[in-house]
Every structure is written in C-alpha cells, then in structure tokens.
Protein backbone atom coordinates (compact mmCIF):
# COMPACT_ATOMS: atom_id res chain seq x y z
CA UNK A 1 -34.39 28.07 11.24
CA UNK A 2 -30.53 27.34 9.79
CA UNK A 3 -29.10 24.38 10.13
CA UNK A 4 -25.42 24.27 10.20
CA UNK A 5 -23.88 20.39 8.89
CA UNK A 6 -20.45 19.14 10.11
CA UNK A 7 -18.61 16.47 8.70
CA UNK A 8 -16.49 14.15 12.23
CA UNK A 9 -16.92 10.78 9.34
CA UNK A 10 -13.36 9.98 8.55
CA UNK A 11 -12.70 8.16 4.73
CA UNK A 12 -12.19 4.72 4.54
CA UNK A 13 -9.40 4.24 2.70
CA UNK A 14 -8.15 0.89 1.54
CA UNK A 15 -4.48 0.57 0.58
CA UNK A 16 -2.57 -2.31 -1.42
CA UNK A 17 -1.87 -5.60 -0.91
CA UNK A 18 1.61 -6.68 0.36
CA UNK A 19 4.14 -5.61 -2.55
CA UNK A 20 6.80 -7.90 -3.23
CA UNK A 21 9.16 -7.48 -6.46
CA UNK A 22 12.76 -9.03 -7.28
CA UNK A 23 13.45 -5.42 -8.92
CA UNK A 24 14.22 -1.99 -6.22
CA UNK A 25 12.20 -0.26 -9.14
CA UNK A 26 8.54 -0.89 -7.61
CA UNK A 27 4.90 0.01 -8.71
CA UNK A 28 1.34 -0.93 -7.11
CA UNK A 29 -2.21 0.05 -7.67
CA UNK A 30 -3.00 3.45 -6.37
CA UNK A 31 -5.58 2.86 -2.81
CA UNK A 32 -8.95 3.94 -3.29
CA UNK A 33 -11.31 6.03 -0.38
CA UNK A 34 -14.53 6.95 0.04
CA UNK A 35 -16.74 9.20 2.77
CA UNK A 36 -20.47 8.81 3.48
CA UNK A 37 -20.42 12.97 2.01
CA UNK A 38 -16.83 13.89 0.28
CA UNK A 39 -17.19 12.71 -3.61
CA UNK A 40 -13.35 13.36 -4.17
CA UNK A 41 -11.35 12.47 -1.04
CA UNK A 42 -7.29 13.87 -1.26
CA UNK A 43 -4.79 10.79 -0.24
CA UNK A 44 -1.43 10.74 -0.47
CA UNK A 45 0.96 7.78 0.82
CA UNK A 46 4.57 8.41 2.14
CA UNK A 47 6.74 6.78 -0.75
CA UNK A 48 5.15 6.69 -4.30
CA UNK A 49 4.84 4.44 -7.08
CA UNK A 50 7.06 3.37 -9.04
CA UNK A 51 9.97 4.31 -6.36
CA UNK A 52 12.88 2.93 -6.34
CA UNK A 53 13.57 0.87 -2.89
CA UNK A 54 16.34 -1.32 -0.72
CA UNK A 55 16.43 -4.69 -0.65
CA UNK A 56 14.20 -5.88 1.97
CA UNK A 57 10.72 -4.60 3.78
CA UNK A 58 9.23 -0.39 3.82
CA UNK A 59 6.61 0.36 5.09
CA UNK A 60 4.20 2.30 3.15
CA UNK A 61 1.22 4.65 5.32
CA UNK A 62 -1.56 6.39 3.63
CA UNK A 63 -3.40 8.61 3.99
CA UNK A 64 -7.11 10.00 2.92
CA UNK A 65 -8.11 13.38 4.34
CA UNK A 66 -11.83 14.88 3.52
CA UNK A 67 -12.91 18.48 2.42
CA UNK A 68 -13.53 18.48 6.61
CA UNK A 69 -9.86 17.56 7.64
CA UNK A 70 -11.05 14.11 8.33
CA UNK A 71 -8.46 11.20 8.12
CA UNK A 72 -7.86 7.35 7.69
CA UNK A 73 -4.96 5.57 7.37
CA UNK A 74 -3.61 2.05 6.33
CA UNK A 75 -0.15 0.56 4.94
CA UNK A 76 1.61 -2.14 3.33
CA UNK A 77 4.79 -3.10 3.00
CA UNK A 78 6.92 -3.20 0.13
CA UNK A 79 9.28 -5.92 -0.07
CA UNK A 80 12.35 -5.81 -2.22
CA UNK A 81 14.38 -9.45 -2.48
CA UNK A 82 17.21 -10.90 -3.93
CA UNK A 83 14.88 -14.71 -3.96
CA UNK A 84 11.30 -14.79 -4.88
CA UNK A 85 9.35 -17.20 -4.40
CA UNK A 86 5.49 -17.98 -7.18
CA UNK A 87 3.45 -20.78 -6.95
CA UNK A 88 -0.41 -19.55 -8.56
CA UNK A 89 0.09 -16.65 -9.01
CA UNK A 90 1.30 -15.32 -5.38
CA UNK A 91 4.68 -14.09 -4.16
CA UNK A 92 6.03 -14.47 -0.88
CA UNK A 93 9.67 -13.96 0.07
CA UNK A 94 11.96 -17.45 -0.05
CA UNK A 95 13.21 -16.89 3.64
CA UNK A 96 9.81 -16.89 5.16
CA UNK A 97 10.12 -20.60 2.15
CA UNK A 98 11.84 -23.57 3.24
CA UNK A 99 14.66 -23.89 0.66
CA UNK A 100 13.91 -26.66 -0.41
CA UNK A 101 10.40 -24.59 -2.35
CA UNK A 102 12.38 -21.25 -3.82
CA UNK A 103 14.12 -20.95 -7.16
CA UNK A 104 16.49 -18.04 -6.31
CA UNK A 105 17.32 -15.05 -8.04
CA UNK A 106 19.41 -12.18 -7.73
CA UNK A 107 18.54 -8.12 -8.61
C-alpha cells in the first residue's frame, strides 16, 4: 500500500516591527518564516529593505510560500516623517505626541 502525503499547512511568517525613519531610505530586518514540513520557505515583500519612501506611511506586505504553495502573509508600516521623538529606544512620530514632548528634525 502506498500513502501520499499532502502538505495542507500554511507556513507562519513574522514581520518586523513598524519601522520609523527621518530619512527617506529605510531598511528593516528580514521577515522570518517557519513551516511544519519545509525547512526552507520563500519570503517575498512588496517593498524592498533599503528602498526610498515618501514622507508618510507605507504598508509593506510580506508573503511566505512553501513548496506546496501554501501561504501566509503579514504587514508592517514604514513611517517616514519630518519629526521623530526618541525616548528609551522607542521611536514615535511627532504627530502622535503632545507638541510639548517632541523635538523637531528636518529631512
């Protein structure tokens, strides 16, 4: 008797945290993915780390695909601003803060 195994499990992808920058060239850590059967999972994103972004918010979507073409995706934001408040290694766009707490920077 022969058994045929089919992979019906989606891989699991993890995106980096939202990326805040005061410069328009933005880089981020590579997303990671795991799968129950495949040791290697292809990962692609609709934007590339190191690309140039406009001031504002851009949603980056990344997709992991295994050999059986099962997929999972995740999203994170690239936020480029003229102002960024940095405190205790947290980066927050100034428009989210009360104006008395931020420092102004220009791109």
